[in-house]
Amino acid sequence: MRIPEATRLTGIGRSKLYELIASGDIETAKIGTCTLITVASLRQLIDRARR
C-alpha cells in the first residue's frame, strides 16, 4: 500500500512511518518511483506492539 494509505489505516504519522522504514521495522517495495509498504510488515509491526 502507498504511504498515505498506511498512515491513514494505522494512525501512525508520516514522519514516524519514515523512521520505521529507515530502521527496517517496516519493509517497502519500490516500483518505479512509487514506494509501497507491505501489508505483512505492517501486521508484524502491530503484532510486536501488542506484546
PDB file of N, CA and C in Angstrom:
ATOM      1  N   MET A   1       0.850  -1.172   0.000  1.00  0.00           N
ATOM      2  CA  MET A   1       0.000   0.000   0.000  1.00  0.00           C
ATOM      3  C   MET A   1       0.892   1.229   0.000  1.00  0.00           C
ATOM      4  N   ARG A   2       0.339   2.314  -0.469  1.00  0.00           N
ATOM      5  CA  ARG A   2       1.086   3.571  -0.506  1.00  0.00           C
ATOM      6  C   ARG A   2       1.185   4.178   0.891  1.00  0.00           C
ATOM      7  N   ILE A   3       2.143   5.042   1.066  1.00  0.00           N
ATOM      8  CA  ILE A   3       2.409   5.628   2.375  1.00  0.00           C
ATOM      9  C   ILE A   3       1.208   6.399   2.936  1.00  0.00           C
ATOM     10  N   PRO A   4       0.532   7.235   2.163  1.00  0.00           N
ATOM     11  CA  PRO A   4      -0.639   7.939   2.738  1.00  0.00           C
ATOM     12  C   PRO A   4      -1.721   6.975   3.244  1.00  0.00           C
ATOM     13  N   GLU A   5      -1.915   5.879   2.536  1.00  0.00           N
ATOM     14  CA  GLU A   5      -2.911   4.899   2.972  1.00  0.00           C
ATOM     15  C   GLU A   5      -2.467   4.221   4.270  1.00  0.00           C
ATOM     16  N   ALA A   6      -1.188   3.912   4.370  1.00  0.00           N
ATOM     17  CA  ALA A   6      -0.668   3.271   5.583  1.00  0.00           C
ATOM     18  C   ALA A   6      -0.809   4.192   6.787  1.00  0.00           C
ATOM     19  N   THR A   7      -0.549   5.479   6.601  1.00  0.00           N
ATOM     20  CA  THR A   7      -0.704   6.406   7.729  1.00  0.00           C
ATOM     21  C   THR A   7      -2.162   6.520   8.142  1.00  0.00           C
ATOM     22  N   ARG A   8      -3.047   6.531   7.163  1.00  0.00           N
ATOM     23  CA  ARG A   8      -4.484   6.637   7.462  1.00  0.00           C
ATOM     24  C   ARG A   8      -4.995   5.399   8.190  1.00  0.00           C
ATOM     25  N   LEU A   9      -4.585   4.225   7.732  1.00  0.00           N
ATOM     26  CA  LEU A   9      -5.094   2.983   8.322  1.00  0.00           C
ATOM     27  C   LEU A   9      -4.522   2.696   9.704  1.00  0.00           C
ATOM     28  N   THR A  10      -3.267   3.070   9.926  1.00  0.00           N
ATOM     29  CA  THR A  10      -2.627   2.744  11.197  1.00  0.00           C
ATOM     30  C   THR A  10      -2.701   3.854  12.229  1.00  0.00           C
ATOM     31  N   GLY A  11      -2.871   5.080  11.766  1.00  0.00           N
ATOM     32  CA  GLY A  11      -2.835   6.209  12.684  1.00  0.00           C
ATOM     33  C   GLY A  11      -1.422   6.659  13.001  1.00  0.00           C
ATOM     34  N   ILE A  12      -0.426   6.030  12.375  1.00  0.00           N
ATOM     35  CA  ILE A  12       0.968   6.413  12.559  1.00  0.00           C
ATOM     36  C   ILE A  12       1.225   7.632  11.681  1.00  0.00           C
ATOM     37  N   GLY A  13       1.908   8.620  12.218  1.00  0.00           N
ATOM     38  CA  GLY A  13       2.214   9.821  11.452  1.00  0.00           C
ATOM     39  C   GLY A  13       3.207   9.539  10.337  1.00  0.00           C
ATOM     40  N   ARG A  14       3.223  10.398   9.361  1.00  0.00           N
ATOM     41  CA  ARG A  14       4.100  10.229   8.200  1.00  0.00           C
ATOM     42  C   ARG A  14       5.581  10.193   8.600  1.00  0.00           C
ATOM     43  N   SER A  15       5.986  11.115   9.480  1.00  0.00           N
ATOM     44  CA  SER A  15       7.387  11.160   9.916  1.00  0.00           C
ATOM     45  C   SER A  15       7.776   9.884  10.642  1.00  0.00           C
ATOM     46  N   LYS A  16       6.913   9.414  11.531  1.00  0.00           N
ATOM     47  CA  LYS A  16       7.188   8.183  12.276  1.00  0.00           C
ATOM     48  C   LYS A  16       7.251   6.989  11.330  1.00  0.00           C
ATOM     49  N   LEU A  17       6.387   6.973  10.343  1.00  0.00           N
ATOM     50  CA  LEU A  17       6.390   5.886   9.372  1.00  0.00           C
ATOM     51  C   LEU A  17       7.719   5.843   8.621  1.00  0.00           C
ATOM     52  N   TYR A  18       8.213   7.007   8.215  1.00  0.00           N
ATOM     53  CA  TYR A  18       9.505   7.058   7.542  1.00  0.00           C
ATOM     54  C   TYR A  18      10.635   6.626   8.470  1.00  0.00           C
ATOM     55  N   GLU A  19      10.548   6.943   9.760  1.00  0.00           N
ATOM     56  CA  GLU A  19      11.538   6.474  10.745  1.00  0.00           C
ATOM     57  C   GLU A  19      11.530   4.949  10.813  1.00  0.00           C
ATOM     58  N   LEU A  20      10.337   4.359  10.847  1.00  0.00           N
ATOM     59  CA  LEU A  20      10.214   2.903  10.915  1.00  0.00           C
ATOM     60  C   LEU A  20      10.752   2.241   9.647  1.00  0.00           C
ATOM     61  N   ILE A  21      10.564   2.885   8.517  1.00  0.00           N
ATOM     62  CA  ILE A  21      11.112   2.366   7.263  1.00  0.00           C
ATOM     63  C   ILE A  21      12.637   2.422   7.309  1.00  0.00           C
ATOM     64  N   ALA A  22      13.190   3.552   7.751  1.00  0.00           N
ATOM     65  CA  ALA A  22      14.645   3.728   7.813  1.00  0.00           C
ATOM     66  C   ALA A  22      15.298   2.746   8.780  1.00  0.00           C
ATOM     67  N   SER A  23      14.611   2.424   9.866  1.00  0.00           N
ATOM     68  CA  SER A  23      15.171   1.498  10.856  1.00  0.00           C
ATOM     69  C   SER A  23      14.992   0.042  10.454  1.00  0.00           C
ATOM     70  N   GLY A  24      14.207  -0.212   9.410  1.00  0.00           N
ATOM     71  CA  GLY A  24      13.997  -1.583   8.957  1.00  0.00           C
ATOM     72  C   GLY A  24      12.827  -2.275   9.618  1.00  0.00           C
ATOM     73  N   ASP A  25      12.073  -1.550  10.442  1.00  0.00           N
ATOM     74  CA  ASP A  25      10.914  -2.144  11.114  1.00  0.00           C
ATOM     75  C   ASP A  25       9.746  -2.369  10.158  1.00  0.00           C
ATOM     76  N   ILE A  26       9.723  -1.607   9.062  1.00  0.00           N
ATOM     77  CA  ILE A  26       8.691  -1.766   8.050  1.00  0.00           C
ATOM     78  C   ILE A  26       9.378  -1.987   6.706  1.00  0.00           C
ATOM     79  N   GLU A  27       8.928  -3.005   5.992  1.00  0.00           N
ATOM     80  CA  GLU A  27       9.506  -3.319   4.690  1.00  0.00           C
ATOM     81  C   GLU A  27       8.781  -2.551   3.590  1.00  0.00           C
ATOM     82  N   THR A  28       9.551  -2.156   2.594  1.00  0.00           N
ATOM     83  CA  THR A  28       8.969  -1.461   1.453  1.00  0.00           C
ATOM     84  C   THR A  28       9.367  -2.161   0.165  1.00  0.00           C
ATOM     85  N   ALA A  29       8.617  -1.869  -0.858  1.00  0.00           N
ATOM     86  CA  ALA A  29       8.934  -2.324  -2.204  1.00  0.00           C
ATOM     87  C   ALA A  29       8.898  -1.095  -3.100  1.00  0.00           C
ATOM     88  N   LYS A  30       9.907  -0.934  -3.911  1.00  0.00           N
ATOM     89  CA  LYS A  30       9.985   0.219  -4.807  1.00  0.00           C
ATOM     90  C   LYS A  30       9.653  -0.249  -6.219  1.00  0.00           C
ATOM     91  N   ILE A  31       8.633   0.335  -6.797  1.00  0.00           N
ATOM     92  CA  ILE A  31       8.238   0.031  -8.170  1.00  0.00           C
ATOM     93  C   ILE A  31       8.264   1.346  -8.926  1.00  0.00           C
ATOM     94  N   GLY A  32       9.272   1.508  -9.753  1.00  0.00           N
ATOM     95  CA  GLY A  32       9.468   2.792 -10.417  1.00  0.00           C
ATOM     96  C   GLY A  32       9.747   3.856  -9.378  1.00  0.00           C
ATOM     97  N   THR A  33       8.949   4.891  -9.360  1.00  0.00           N
ATOM     98  CA  THR A  33       9.117   5.950  -8.354  1.00  0.00           C
ATOM     99  C   THR A  33       8.173   5.774  -7.166  1.00  0.00           C
ATOM    100  N   CYS A  34       7.367   4.748  -7.212  1.00  0.00           N
ATOM    101  CA  CYS A  34       6.361   4.512  -6.170  1.00  0.00           C
ATOM    102  C   CYS A  34       6.939   3.634  -5.057  1.00  0.00           C
ATOM    103  N   THR A  35       6.866   4.108  -3.830  1.00  0.00           N
ATOM    104  CA  THR A  35       7.273   3.315  -2.673  1.00  0.00           C
ATOM    105  C   THR A  35       6.031   2.715  -2.049  1.00  0.00           C
ATOM    106  N   LEU A  36       6.022   1.396  -1.951  1.00  0.00           N
ATOM    107  CA  LEU A  36       4.892   0.685  -1.360  1.00  0.00           C
ATOM    108  C   LEU A  36       5.325   0.015  -0.069  1.00  0.00           C
ATOM    109  N   ILE A  37       4.433  -0.015   0.891  1.00  0.00           N
ATOM    110  CA  ILE A  37       4.677  -0.691   2.162  1.00  0.00           C
ATOM    111  C   ILE A  37       3.950  -2.023   2.121  1.00  0.00           C
ATOM    112  N   THR A  38       4.644  -3.081   2.535  1.00  0.00           N
ATOM    113  CA  THR A  38       3.995  -4.385   2.517  1.00  0.00           C
ATOM    114  C   THR A  38       3.015  -4.489   3.681  1.00  0.00           C
ATOM    115  N   VAL A  39       1.864  -5.033   3.402  1.00  0.00           N
ATOM    116  CA  VAL A  39       0.833  -5.207   4.424  1.00  0.00           C
ATOM    117  C   VAL A  39       1.337  -6.151   5.513  1.00  0.00           C
ATOM    118  N   ALA A  40       2.086  -7.162   5.118  1.00  0.00           N
ATOM    119  CA  ALA A  40       2.622  -8.121   6.094  1.00  0.00           C
ATOM    120  C   ALA A  40       3.524  -7.421   7.112  1.00  0.00           C
ATOM    121  N   SER A  41       4.344  -6.470   6.658  1.00  0.00           N
ATOM    122  CA  SER A  41       5.234  -5.787   7.601  1.00  0.00           C
ATOM    123  C   SER A  41       4.451  -4.893   8.555  1.00  0.00           C
ATOM    124  N   LEU A  42       3.351  -4.303   8.098  1.00  0.00           N
ATOM    125  CA  LEU A  42       2.503  -3.513   8.999  1.00  0.00           C
ATOM    126  C   LEU A  42       1.844  -4.408  10.041  1.00  0.00           C
ATOM    127  N   ARG A  43       1.384  -5.562   9.610  1.00  0.00           N
ATOM    128  CA  ARG A  43       0.771  -6.507  10.556  1.00  0.00           C
ATOM    129  C   ARG A  43       1.780  -6.958  11.595  1.00  0.00           C
ATOM    130  N   GLN A  44       2.998  -7.248  11.160  1.00  0.00           N
ATOM    131  CA  GLN A  44       4.043  -7.665  12.098  1.00  0.00           C
ATOM    132  C   GLN A  44       4.373  -6.555  13.087  1.00  0.00           C
ATOM    133  N   LEU A  45       4.424  -5.329  12.616  1.00  0.00           N
ATOM    134  CA  LEU A  45       4.698  -4.189  13.494  1.00  0.00           C
ATOM    135  C   LEU A  45       3.617  -4.075  14.569  1.00  0.00           C
ATOM    136  N   ILE A  46       2.373  -4.197  14.166  1.00  0.00           N
ATOM    137  CA  ILE A  46       1.256  -4.111  15.115  1.00  0.00           C
ATOM    138  C   ILE A  46       1.274  -5.294  16.076  1.00  0.00           C
ATOM    139  N   ASP A  47       1.567  -6.479  15.587  1.00  0.00           N
ATOM    140  CA  ASP A  47       1.655  -7.661  16.462  1.00  0.00           C
ATOM    141  C   ASP A  47       2.765  -7.493  17.497  1.00  0.00           C
ATOM    142  N   ARG A  48       3.918  -6.953  17.081  1.00  0.00           N
ATOM    143  CA  ARG A  48       5.019  -6.731  18.031  1.00  0.00           C
ATOM    144  C   ARG A  48       4.634  -5.699  19.085  1.00  0.00           C
ATOM    145  N   ALA A  49       3.876  -4.695  18.694  1.00  0.00           N
ATOM    146  CA  ALA A  49       3.469  -3.646  19.630  1.00  0.00           C
ATOM    147  C   ALA A  49       2.460  -4.167  20.649  1.00  0.00           C
ATOM    148  N   ARG A  50       1.707  -5.180  20.277  1.00  0.00           N
ATOM    149  CA  ARG A  50       0.688  -5.734  21.181  1.00  0.00           C
ATOM    150  C   ARG A  50       1.304  -6.557  22.297  1.00  0.00           C
ATOM    151  N   ARG A  51       2.496  -7.002  22.122  1.00  0.00           N
ATOM    152  CA  ARG A  51       3.130  -7.869  23.124  1.00  0.00           C
ATOM    153  C   ARG A  51       3.753  -7.104  24.225  1.00  0.00           C
TER     154      ARG A  51
END
